[in-house]
PDB file of N, CA and C in Angstrom:
ATOM      1  N   MET A   1     137.402  94.846 108.703  1.00  0.00           N
ATOM      2  CA  MET A   1     136.429  94.773 109.834  1.00  0.00           C
ATOM      3  C   MET A   1     134.774  95.071 108.939  1.00  0.00           C
ATOM      4  N   THR A   2     134.782  96.239 108.373  1.00  0.00           N
ATOM      5  CA  THR A   2     133.666  96.952 108.134  1.00  0.00           C
ATOM      6  C   THR A   2     132.979  95.975 107.599  1.00  0.00           C
ATOM      7  N   GLU A   3     133.501  95.016 106.260  1.00  0.00           N
ATOM      8  CA  GLU A   3     133.151  94.237 105.340  1.00  0.00           C
ATOM      9  C   GLU A   3     132.173  93.087 106.526  1.00  0.00           C
ATOM     10  N   ASP A   4     132.541  92.641 107.751  1.00  0.00           N
ATOM     11  CA  ASP A   4     132.038  91.830 108.571  1.00  0.00           C
ATOM     12  C   ASP A   4     130.854  92.578 109.242  1.00  0.00           C
ATOM     13  N   ILE A   5     130.836  93.949 109.176  1.00  0.00           N
ATOM     14  CA  ILE A   5     129.891  94.271 109.805  1.00  0.00           C
ATOM     15  C   ILE A   5     128.630  94.486 108.744  1.00  0.00           C
ATOM     16  N   GLU A   6     128.965  94.575 107.712  1.00  0.00           N
ATOM     17  CA  GLU A   6     127.910  94.866 106.528  1.00  0.00           C
ATOM     18  C   GLU A   6     127.569  93.513 106.262  1.00  0.00           C
ATOM     19  N   LYS A   7     128.041  92.543 106.808  1.00  0.00           N
ATOM     20  CA  LYS A   7     127.296  91.396 106.087  1.00  0.00           C
ATOM     21  C   LYS A   7     126.474  90.687 107.441  1.00  0.00           C
ATOM     22  N   SER A   8     126.814  91.323 108.445  1.00  0.00           N
ATOM     23  CA  SER A   8     126.005  90.910 109.983  1.00  0.00           C
ATOM     24  C   SER A   8     124.900  91.752 109.680  1.00  0.00           C
ATOM     25  N   VAL A   9     124.936  93.283 109.911  1.00  0.00           N
ATOM     26  CA  VAL A   9     123.943  94.039 109.609  1.00  0.00           C
ATOM     27  C   VAL A   9     122.643  93.039 108.433  1.00  0.00           C
ATOM     28  N   LEU A  10     123.211  92.982 107.200  1.00  0.00           N
ATOM     29  CA  LEU A  10     122.205  92.317 105.850  1.00  0.00           C
ATOM     30  C   LEU A  10     121.484  91.094 106.725  1.00  0.00           C
ATOM     31  N   SER A  11     122.723  90.454 107.181  1.00  0.00           N
ATOM     32  CA  SER A  11     122.217  88.901 107.275  1.00  0.00           C
ATOM     33  C   SER A  11     120.790  89.563 108.612  1.00  0.00           C
ATOM     34  N   SER A  12     120.952  89.982 109.521  1.00  0.00           N
ATOM     35  CA  SER A  12     120.436  90.091 110.701  1.00  0.00           C
ATOM     36  C   SER A  12     119.042  90.920 109.755  1.00  0.00           C
ATOM     37  N   VAL A  13     118.881  91.663 108.798  1.00  0.00           N
ATOM     38  CA  VAL A  13     117.605  92.038 108.706  1.00  0.00           C
ATOM     39  C   VAL A  13     117.285  91.192 107.486  1.00  0.00           C
ATOM     40  N   MET A  14     117.599  90.231 107.153  1.00  0.00           N
ATOM     41  CA  MET A  14     117.023  88.881 106.104  1.00  0.00           C
ATOM     42  C   MET A  14     116.968  87.809 107.022  1.00  0.00           C
ATOM     43  N   PHE A  15     117.144  87.570 108.090  1.00  0.00           N
ATOM     44  CA  PHE A  15     116.975  86.960 109.201  1.00  0.00           C
ATOM     45  C   PHE A  15     116.186  87.244 110.109  1.00  0.00           C
ATOM     46  N   ALA A  16     115.897  88.278 110.409  1.00  0.00           N
ATOM     47  CA  ALA A  16     114.857  89.085 111.176  1.00  0.00           C
ATOM     48  C   ALA A  16     113.216  88.066 111.240  1.00  0.00           C
ATOM     49  N   GLY A  17     112.405  87.980 110.417  1.00  0.00           N
ATOM     50  CA  GLY A  17     111.339  87.727 110.442  1.00  0.00           C
ATOM     51  C   GLY A  17     111.086  86.435 110.862  1.00  0.00           C
ATOM     52  N   THR A  18     112.421  85.625 110.693  1.00  0.00           N
ATOM     53  CA  THR A  18     112.556  84.182 111.299  1.00  0.00           C
ATOM     54  C   THR A  18     112.132  83.958 112.715  1.00  0.00           C
ATOM     55  N   PHE A  19     112.403  85.231 113.657  1.00  0.00           N
ATOM     56  CA  PHE A  19     112.796  85.340 115.231  1.00  0.00           C
ATOM     57  C   PHE A  19     111.403  86.307 115.600  1.00  0.00           C
ATOM     58  N   ASN A  20     110.873  86.100 116.251  1.00  0.00           N
ATOM     59  CA  ASN A  20     109.759  87.071 116.635  1.00  0.00           C
ATOM     60  C   ASN A  20     110.557  88.047 117.773  1.00  0.00           C
ATOM     61  N   ASP A  21     111.472  87.480 118.384  1.00  0.00           N
ATOM     62  CA  ASP A  21     112.080  88.867 119.221  1.00  0.00           C
ATOM     63  C   ASP A  21     112.935  89.442 118.521  1.00  0.00           C
ATOM     64  N   ARG A  22     113.232  89.442 117.211  1.00  0.00           N
ATOM     65  CA  ARG A  22     113.804  90.568 116.236  1.00  0.00           C
ATOM     66  C   ARG A  22     113.118  90.942 115.128  1.00  0.00           C
ATOM     67  N   SER A  23     111.644  90.982 115.181  1.00  0.00           N
ATOM     68  CA  SER A  23     111.116  91.188 114.373  1.00  0.00           C
ATOM     69  C   SER A  23     111.198  92.716 114.088  1.00  0.00           C
ATOM     70  N   GLN A  24     111.246  93.674 114.893  1.00  0.00           N
ATOM     71  CA  GLN A  24     111.679  94.992 114.624  1.00  0.00           C
ATOM     72  C   GLN A  24     112.995  95.226 114.104  1.00  0.00           C
ATOM     73  N   ILE A  25     113.231  94.612 113.708  1.00  0.00           N
ATOM     74  CA  ILE A  25     115.466  94.185 112.783  1.00  0.00           C
ATOM     75  C   ILE A  25     114.671  94.643 111.181  1.00  0.00           C
ATOM     76  N   LYS A  26     113.962  93.502 111.158  1.00  0.00           N
ATOM     77  CA  LYS A  26     113.562  93.388 109.430  1.00  0.00           C
ATOM     78  C   LYS A  26     113.103  95.114 109.024  1.00  0.00           C
ATOM     79  N   ASP A  27     112.563  95.863 109.946  1.00  0.00           N
ATOM     80  CA  ASP A  27     112.260  97.311 109.293  1.00  0.00           C
ATOM     81  C   ASP A  27     113.398  98.423 109.458  1.00  0.00           C
ATOM     82  N   VAL A  28     114.841  98.021 109.903  1.00  0.00           N
ATOM     83  CA  VAL A  28     115.906  98.911 110.297  1.00  0.00           C
ATOM     84  C   VAL A  28     115.877  99.710 109.064  1.00  0.00           C
ATOM     85  N   GLU A  29     116.203 100.833 108.804  1.00  0.00           N
ATOM     86  CA  GLU A  29     116.522 101.266 108.168  1.00  0.00           C
ATOM     87  C   GLU A  29     118.025 101.287 107.416  1.00  0.00           C
ATOM     88  N   LEU A  30     117.794 100.867 105.680  1.00  0.00           N
ATOM     89  CA  LEU A  30     119.502 100.799 105.241  1.00  0.00           C
ATOM     90  C   LEU A  30     119.627 101.755 104.321  1.00  0.00           C
ATOM     91  N   ASN A  31     120.670 102.594 104.620  1.00  0.00           N
ATOM     92  CA  ASN A  31     120.911 103.228 103.342  1.00  0.00           C
ATOM     93  C   ASN A  31     122.471 102.478 102.422  1.00  0.00           C
ATOM     94  N   GLU A  32     122.069 102.375 101.298  1.00  0.00           N
ATOM     95  CA  GLU A  32     123.118 101.764 100.845  1.00  0.00           C
ATOM     96  C   GLU A  32     124.327 102.196 100.535  1.00  0.00           C
ATOM     97  N   GLU A  33     124.118 103.645 100.910  1.00  0.00           N
ATOM     98  CA  GLU A  33     125.390 104.291 100.772  1.00  0.00           C
ATOM     99  C   GLU A  33     126.485 104.065 101.657  1.00  0.00           C
ATOM    100  N   TYR A  34     125.852 103.827 102.746  1.00  0.00           N
ATOM    101  CA  TYR A  34     127.155 102.721 104.156  1.00  0.00           C
ATOM    102  C   TYR A  34     127.500 101.957 103.947  1.00  0.00           C
ATOM    103  N   PHE A  35     127.528 101.139 103.238  1.00  0.00           N
ATOM    104  CA  PHE A  35     127.885 100.052 102.628  1.00  0.00           C
ATOM    105  C   PHE A  35     129.317  99.894 101.468  1.00  0.00           C
ATOM    106  N   GLY A  36     130.454  99.687 102.183  1.00  0.00           N
ATOM    107  CA  GLY A  36     131.510  99.800 100.641  1.00  0.00           C
ATOM    108  C   GLY A  36     131.719  98.923  99.724  1.00  0.00           C
ATOM    109  N   ASN A  37     131.286  97.737 100.083  1.00  0.00           N
ATOM    110  CA  ASN A  37     131.391  96.656  99.293  1.00  0.00           C
ATOM    111  C   ASN A  37     130.045  96.258  97.924  1.00  0.00           C
ATOM    112  N   TYR A  38     130.424  96.230  96.807  1.00  0.00           N
ATOM    113  CA  TYR A  38     129.719  96.550  95.741  1.00  0.00           C
ATOM    114  C   TYR A  38     128.559  95.457  96.039  1.00  0.00           C
ATOM    115  N   PHE A  39     128.646  94.265  96.425  1.00  0.00           N
ATOM    116  CA  PHE A  39     127.771  93.746  96.454  1.00  0.00           C
ATOM    117  C   PHE A  39     126.610  93.778  97.686  1.00  0.00           C
ATOM    118  N   HIS A  40     127.209  94.466  98.507  1.00  0.00           N
ATOM    119  CA  HIS A  40     126.283  94.559  99.798  1.00  0.00           C
ATOM    120  C   HIS A  40     125.582  95.331  99.527  1.00  0.00           C
ATOM    121  N   LYS A  41     126.090  96.623  98.817  1.00  0.00           N
ATOM    122  CA  LYS A  41     125.462  97.619  98.194  1.00  0.00           C
ATOM    123  C   LYS A  41     123.943  97.341  97.458  1.00  0.00           C
ATOM    124  N   ALA A  42     124.273  96.519  96.585  1.00  0.00           N
ATOM    125  CA  ALA A  42     123.361  95.551  95.908  1.00  0.00           C
ATOM    126  C   ALA A  42     122.048  95.010  96.922  1.00  0.00           C
ATOM    127  N   VAL A  43     122.701  94.337  97.288  1.00  0.00           N
ATOM    128  CA  VAL A  43     121.954  93.350  98.723  1.00  0.00           C
ATOM    129  C   VAL A  43     120.854  94.494  99.308  1.00  0.00           C
ATOM    130  N   ALA A  44     122.055  95.442  99.844  1.00  0.00           N
ATOM    131  CA  ALA A  44     120.969  96.511 100.545  1.00  0.00           C
ATOM    132  C   ALA A  44     119.674  97.178  99.632  1.00  0.00           C
ATOM    133  N   LYS A  45     120.254  97.390  98.200  1.00  0.00           N
ATOM    134  CA  LYS A  45     119.310  98.127  97.117  1.00  0.00           C
ATOM    135  C   LYS A  45     117.792  97.672  97.620  1.00  0.00           C
ATOM    136  N   VAL A  46     117.963  96.112  96.799  1.00  0.00           N
ATOM    137  CA  VAL A  46     117.212  95.517  96.656  1.00  0.00           C
ATOM    138  C   VAL A  46     116.281  95.038  98.263  1.00  0.00           C
ATOM    139  N   ILE A  47     116.674  95.263  99.380  1.00  0.00           N
ATOM    140  CA  ILE A  47     116.026  94.856 100.194  1.00  0.00           C
ATOM    141  C   ILE A  47     115.176  96.017 100.508  1.00  0.00           C
ATOM    142  N   ASN A  48     115.909  97.396 100.101  1.00  0.00           N
ATOM    143  CA  ASN A  48     114.659  98.583 100.541  1.00  0.00           C
ATOM    144  C   ASN A  48     114.000  98.442  99.233  1.00  0.00           C
ATOM    145  N   ALA A  49     114.091  98.067  98.014  1.00  0.00           N
ATOM    146  CA  ALA A  49     113.101  98.051  97.051  1.00  0.00           C
ATOM    147  C   ALA A  49     112.070  97.368  97.329  1.00  0.00           C
ATOM    148  N   LEU A  50     112.566  95.907  97.751  1.00  0.00           N
ATOM    149  CA  LEU A  50     111.145  94.823  98.500  1.00  0.00           C
ATOM    150  C   LEU A  50     110.162  95.787  99.168  1.00  0.00           C
ATOM    151  N   ARG A  51     111.152  96.271 100.049  1.00  0.00           N
ATOM    152  CA  ARG A  51     110.328  96.889 101.655  1.00  0.00           C
ATOM    153  C   ARG A  51     108.956  98.085 100.468  1.00  0.00           C
ATOM    154  N   SER A  52     109.601  98.705  99.669  1.00  0.00           N
ATOM    155  CA  SER A  52     109.066 100.044  98.702  1.00  0.00           C
ATOM    156  C   SER A  52     107.868  99.409  98.456  1.00  0.00           C
ATOM    157  N   LYS A  53     107.986  98.023  98.084  1.00  0.00           N
ATOM    158  CA  LYS A  53     106.617  97.324  97.551  1.00  0.00           C
ATOM    159  C   LYS A  53     105.716  96.450  98.287  1.00  0.00           C
ATOM    160  N   GLY A  54     106.734  96.039  99.753  1.00  0.00           N
ATOM    161  CA  GLY A  54     105.613  95.818 100.477  1.00  0.00           C
ATOM    162  C   GLY A  54     105.985  93.899 101.065  1.00  0.00           C
ATOM    163  N   LYS A  55     106.879  93.782 100.386  1.00  0.00           N
ATOM    164  CA  LYS A  55     107.507  92.185 100.062  1.00  0.00           C
ATOM    165  C   LYS A  55     108.100  91.958 100.801  1.00  0.00           C
ATOM    166  N   PRO A  56     108.472  90.858 101.108  1.00  0.00           N
ATOM    167  CA  PRO A  56     109.156  90.063 102.317  1.00  0.00           C
ATOM    168  C   PRO A  56     110.929  90.289 102.345  1.00  0.00           C
ATOM    169  N   THR A  57     111.729  90.441 102.962  1.00  0.00           N
ATOM    170  CA  THR A  57     113.172  90.992 102.681  1.00  0.00           C
ATOM    171  C   THR A  57     113.710  89.646 103.487  1.00  0.00           C
ATOM    172  N   ASP A  58     113.121  88.377 103.448  1.00  0.00           N
ATOM    173  CA  ASP A  58     113.551  87.292 103.961  1.00  0.00           C
ATOM    174  C   ASP A  58     114.942  86.656 102.943  1.00  0.00           C
ATOM    175  N   GLU A  59     115.790  85.997 103.265  1.00  0.00           N
ATOM    176  CA  GLU A  59     116.903  85.565 102.124  1.00  0.00           C
ATOM    177  C   GLU A  59     116.457  84.933 100.818  1.00  0.00           C
ATOM    178  N   LEU A  60     115.399  84.171 100.673  1.00  0.00           N
ATOM    179  CA  LEU A  60     114.701  83.708  99.334  1.00  0.00           C
ATOM    180  C   LEU A  60     114.723  84.622  98.859  1.00  0.00           C
ATOM    181  N   THR A  61     113.546  85.653  99.355  1.00  0.00           N
ATOM    182  CA  THR A  61     113.079  86.729  98.245  1.00  0.00           C
ATOM    183  C   THR A  61     114.072  87.662  97.476  1.00  0.00           C
ATOM    184  N   VAL A  62     115.370  88.171  98.669  1.00  0.00           N
ATOM    185  CA  VAL A  62     116.398  88.732  98.352  1.00  0.00           C
ATOM    186  C   VAL A  62     117.458  88.159  97.244  1.00  0.00           C
ATOM    187  N   SER A  63     117.400  86.942  97.577  1.00  0.00           N
ATOM    188  CA  SER A  63     118.299  85.961  96.253  1.00  0.00           C
ATOM    189  C   SER A  63     117.253  86.001  94.884  1.00  0.00           C
ATOM    190  N   PHE A  64     115.783  85.788  94.915  1.00  0.00           N
ATOM    191  CA  PHE A  64     115.346  85.398  93.573  1.00  0.00           C
ATOM    192  C   PHE A  64     115.301  87.026  93.022  1.00  0.00           C
ATOM    193  N   TYR A  65     115.376  88.210  93.718  1.00  0.00           N
ATOM    194  CA  TYR A  65     115.436  89.425  92.934  1.00  0.00           C
ATOM    195  C   TYR A  65     116.898  89.505  92.510  1.00  0.00           C
ATOM    196  N   LEU A  66     117.861  89.025  93.055  1.00  0.00           N
ATOM    197  CA  LEU A  66     119.166  89.334  92.882  1.00  0.00           C
ATOM    198  C   LEU A  66     119.552  88.677  91.378  1.00  0.00           C
ATOM    199  N   GLN A  67     119.333  87.437  91.607  1.00  0.00           N
ATOM    200  CA  GLN A  67     118.744  86.572  90.268  1.00  0.00           C
ATOM    201  C   GLN A  67     118.336  87.432  89.383  1.00  0.00           C
ATOM    202  N   LYS A  68     117.329  87.827  89.634  1.00  0.00           N
ATOM    203  CA  LYS A  68     116.310  88.302  88.319  1.00  0.00           C
ATOM    204  C   LYS A  68     116.736  89.735  87.537  1.00  0.00           C
ATOM    205  N   ASN A  69     118.041  90.010  88.747  1.00  0.00           N
ATOM    206  CA  ASN A  69     118.640  91.705  87.881  1.00  0.00           C
ATOM    207  C   ASN A  69     120.081  91.579  87.816  1.00  0.00           C
ATOM    208  N   ASN A  70     120.474  89.832  87.240  1.00  0.00           N
ATOM    209  CA  ASN A  70     122.037  89.736  87.342  1.00  0.00           C
ATOM    210  C   ASN A  70     122.791  90.231  88.365  1.00  0.00           C
ATOM    211  N   LEU A  71     122.470  90.063  89.537  1.00  0.00           N
ATOM    212  CA  LEU A  71     123.270  91.077  90.409  1.00  0.00           C
ATOM    213  C   LEU A  71     123.840  89.805  91.563  1.00  0.00           C
ATOM    214  N   PHE A  72     123.338  88.567  91.172  1.00  0.00           N
ATOM    215  CA  PHE A  72     123.908  87.410  92.532  1.00  0.00           C
ATOM    216  C   PHE A  72     124.974  86.837  92.151  1.00  0.00           C
ATOM    217  N   HIS A  73     125.573  86.639  93.543  1.00  0.00           N
ATOM    218  CA  HIS A  73     126.931  85.947  93.185  1.00  0.00           C
ATOM    219  C   HIS A  73     127.129  84.866  94.451  1.00  0.00           C
ATOM    220  N   GLU A  74     127.085  83.926  93.968  1.00  0.00           N
ATOM    221  CA  GLU A  74     126.512  82.657  95.213  1.00  0.00           C
ATOM    222  C   GLU A  74     128.023  82.836  96.551  1.00  0.00           C
ATOM    223  N   GLN A  75     128.749  83.337  96.083  1.00  0.00           N
ATOM    224  CA  GLN A  75     129.866  82.867  96.976  1.00  0.00           C
ATOM    225  C   GLN A  75     129.303  84.224  97.955  1.00  0.00           C
ATOM    226  N   ASN A  76     129.379  85.459  97.742  1.00  0.00           N
ATOM    227  CA  ASN A  76     129.072  86.982  98.668  1.00  0.00           C
ATOM    228  C   ASN A  76     128.081  86.435  98.975  1.00  0.00           C
ATOM    229  N   PHE A  77     127.167  85.952  98.671  1.00  0.00           N
ATOM    230  CA  PHE A  77     125.421  85.723  99.304  1.00  0.00           C
ATOM    231  C   PHE A  77     125.778  85.139 100.243  1.00  0.00           C
ATOM    232  N   LEU A  78     126.560  83.653  99.915  1.00  0.00           N
ATOM    233  CA  LEU A  78     126.320  82.991 101.451  1.00  0.00           C
ATOM    234  C   LEU A  78     127.268  83.407 102.388  1.00  0.00           C
ATOM    235  N   ALA A  79     128.275  84.103 102.330  1.00  0.00           N
ATOM    236  CA  ALA A  79     129.056  84.879 103.138  1.00  0.00           C
ATOM    237  C   ALA A  79     128.100  85.535 104.088  1.00  0.00           C
ATOM    238  N   ILE A  80     126.886  86.485 103.383  1.00  0.00           N
ATOM    239  CA  ILE A  80     126.200  86.826 104.077  1.00  0.00           C
ATOM    240  C   ILE A  80     125.610  86.468 104.949  1.00  0.00           C
ATOM    241  N   LEU A  81     124.863  85.326 104.452  1.00  0.00           N
ATOM    242  CA  LEU A  81     123.925  84.113 104.960  1.00  0.00           C
ATOM    243  C   LEU A  81     124.682  83.292 106.072  1.00  0.00           C
ATOM    244  N   THR A  82     125.679  83.486 106.150  1.00  0.00           N
ATOM    245  CA  THR A  82     126.396  82.524 107.348  1.00  0.00           C
ATOM    246  C   THR A  82     127.038  83.933 108.368  1.00  0.00           C
ATOM    247  N   ALA A  83     126.955  84.939 108.278  1.00  0.00           N
ATOM    248  CA  ALA A  83     127.532  85.969 109.109  1.00  0.00           C
ATOM    249  C   ALA A  83     126.522  86.108 110.163  1.00  0.00           C
ATOM    250  N   ASN A  84     126.937  85.935 111.198  1.00  0.00           N
ATOM    251  CA  ASN A  84     126.559  85.965 112.902  1.00  0.00           C
ATOM    252  C   ASN A  84     125.587  87.107 112.825  1.00  0.00           C
ATOM    253  N   PRO A  85     124.255  87.145 112.779  1.00  0.00           N
ATOM    254  CA  PRO A  85     123.478  88.432 112.818  1.00  0.00           C
ATOM    255  C   PRO A  85     123.326  88.742 114.162  1.00  0.00           C
ATOM    256  N   PHE A  86     123.379  90.201 114.338  1.00  0.00           N
ATOM    257  CA  PHE A  86     123.188  90.597 115.658  1.00  0.00           C
ATOM    258  C   PHE A  86     121.299  90.545 116.289  1.00  0.00           C
ATOM    259  N   GLY A  87     121.545  90.266 117.671  1.00  0.00           N
ATOM    260  CA  GLY A  87     120.231  89.668 118.247  1.00  0.00           C
ATOM    261  C   GLY A  87     119.310  90.757 118.708  1.00  0.00           C
ATOM    262  N   SER A  88     119.871  92.509 118.570  1.00  0.00           N
ATOM    263  CA  SER A  88     118.683  93.079 119.007  1.00  0.00           C
ATOM    264  C   SER A  88     118.894  94.200 117.966  1.00  0.00           C
ATOM    265  N   LEU A  89     117.741  94.833 118.229  1.00  0.00           N
ATOM    266  CA  LEU A  89     117.727  96.318 117.530  1.00  0.00           C
ATOM    267  C   LEU A  89     118.533  97.254 117.466  1.00  0.00           C
ATOM    268  N   SER A  90     118.784  97.619 118.648  1.00  0.00           N
ATOM    269  CA  SER A  90     120.254  98.290 119.415  1.00  0.00           C
ATOM    270  C   SER A  90     121.670  97.865 118.433  1.00  0.00           C
ATOM    271  N   SER A  91     121.404  96.789 118.955  1.00  0.00           N
ATOM    272  CA  SER A  91     122.801  96.813 118.016  1.00  0.00           C
ATOM    273  C   SER A  91     122.940  96.385 116.569  1.00  0.00           C
ATOM    274  N   VAL A  92     121.788  96.207 116.057  1.00  0.00           N
ATOM    275  CA  VAL A  92     121.691  96.446 114.405  1.00  0.00           C
ATOM    276  C   VAL A  92     122.209  98.533 114.288  1.00  0.00           C
ATOM    277  N   ASN A  93     121.231  98.728 114.894  1.00  0.00           N
ATOM    278  CA  ASN A  93     121.234 100.269 115.067  1.00  0.00           C
ATOM    279  C   ASN A  93     122.940 100.992 115.286  1.00  0.00           C
ATOM    280  N   HIS A  94     123.220 100.421 116.422  1.00  0.00           N
ATOM    281  CA  HIS A  94     124.540 100.672 116.483  1.00  0.00           C
ATOM    282  C   HIS A  94     125.681 100.527 115.353  1.00  0.00           C
ATOM    283  N   TYR A  95     125.879  99.181 114.477  1.00  0.00           N
ATOM    284  CA  TYR A  95     126.500  99.214 114.012  1.00  0.00           C
ATOM    285  C   TYR A  95     126.273  99.990 112.666  1.00  0.00           C
ATOM    286  N   ILE A  96     125.259 100.010 112.278  1.00  0.00           N
ATOM    287  CA  ILE A  96     124.957 100.677 111.306  1.00  0.00           C
ATOM    288  C   ILE A  96     125.740 102.382 111.339  1.00  0.00           C
ATOM    289  N   GLY A  97     125.257 102.526 112.417  1.00  0.00           N
ATOM    290  CA  GLY A  97     126.112 104.087 113.232  1.00  0.00           C
ATOM    291  C   GLY A  97     127.285 104.056 112.379  1.00  0.00           C
ATOM    292  N   VAL A  98     127.875 102.612 112.852  1.00  0.00           N
ATOM    293  CA  VAL A  98     129.676 102.677 112.562  1.00  0.00           C
ATOM    294  C   VAL A  98     129.894 102.400 111.288  1.00  0.00           C
ATOM    295  N   LEU A  99     128.909 101.705 110.057  1.00  0.00           N
ATOM    296  CA  LEU A  99     128.935 101.959 108.890  1.00  0.00           C
ATOM    297  C   LEU A  99     128.851 103.449 108.535  1.00  0.00           C
ATOM    298  N   LYS A 100     127.830 103.998 108.660  1.00  0.00           N
ATOM    299  CA  LYS A 100     127.856 105.685 108.498  1.00  0.00           C
ATOM    300  C   LYS A 100     129.332 105.960 108.834  1.00  0.00           C
ATOM    301  N   GLU A 101     129.870 106.397 109.662  1.00  0.00           N
ATOM    302  CA  GLU A 101     130.859 106.817 110.174  1.00  0.00           C
ATOM    303  C   GLU A 101     132.343 106.667 109.697  1.00  0.00           C
ATOM    304  N   HIS A 102     132.016 105.328 109.209  1.00  0.00           N
ATOM    305  CA  HIS A 102     133.154 104.334 108.253  1.00  0.00           C
ATOM    306  C   HIS A 102     133.116 105.500 106.257  1.00  0.00           C
ATOM    307  N   SER A 103     131.590 105.562 106.269  1.00  0.00           N
ATOM    308  CA  SER A 103     131.575 105.639 105.119  1.00  0.00           C
ATOM    309  C   SER A 103     131.838 107.282 104.686  1.00  0.00           C
ATOM    310  N   VAL A 104     131.400 107.870 105.585  1.00  0.00           N
ATOM    311  CA  VAL A 104     131.762 109.314 105.598  1.00  0.00           C
ATOM    312  C   VAL A 104     132.941 109.618 106.046  1.00  0.00           C
ATOM    313  N   LYS A 105     133.659 108.960 106.707  1.00  0.00           N
ATOM    314  CA  LYS A 105     135.306 109.256 106.705  1.00  0.00           C
ATOM    315  C   LYS A 105     135.513 108.669 105.272  1.00  0.00           C
ATOM    316  N   SER A 106     135.507 107.631 104.904  1.00  0.00           N
ATOM    317  CA  SER A 106     136.039 107.402 103.574  1.00  0.00           C
ATOM    318  C   SER A 106     135.576 108.048 102.499  1.00  0.00           C
ATOM    319  N   LYS A 107     134.629 109.032 102.137  1.00  0.00           N
ATOM    320  CA  LYS A 107     134.526 110.087 101.502  1.00  0.00           C
ATOM    321  C   LYS A 107     135.288 111.388 101.629  1.00  0.00           C
ATOM    322  N   TRP A 108     135.371 111.690 102.841  1.00  0.00           N
ATOM    323  CA  TRP A 108     136.785 112.409 103.136  1.00  0.00           C
ATOM    324  C   TRP A 108     138.134 112.364 102.616  1.00  0.00           C
ATOM    325  N   MET A 109     138.327 110.814 102.911  1.00  0.00           N
ATOM    326  CA  MET A 109     139.749 110.439 102.421  1.00  0.00           C
ATOM    327  C   MET A 109     140.055 110.561 100.897  1.00  0.00           C
ATOM    328  N   ASN A 110     138.845 110.433  99.824  1.00  0.00           N
ATOM    329  CA  ASN A 110     138.904 110.249  98.602  1.00  0.00           C
ATOM    330  C   ASN A 110     138.830 111.902  98.166  1.00  0.00           C
ATOM    331  N   ILE A 111     138.788 112.735  98.859  1.00  0.00           N
ATOM    332  CA  ILE A 111     138.278 114.314  98.273  1.00  0.00           C
ATOM    333  C   ILE A 111     139.802 114.654  97.933  1.00  0.00           C
TER     334      ILE A 111
END
């Protein structure tokens, strides 16, 4: 279930610039440590790096930088692109909170 949430959060951020009513979502804080899937972690890291350079975080730009850094995996990237994006900033923030909570619990279980 958390992998589905991870995909939807990433999809929401990448597609946010496409919808005027969702433009705030593209700036949501992504902590790659909240993502359990290695590829999802890499996508979040690329999005954060692009943001820090003032570059767009749409699916084409993210895909290009994943490929450039030998991190691209077509099947996993398509799974993110086909995930249902969340429609509001509050929904994205809620599910990022769910990912954070799951991440903390997972760390405690591995101690």
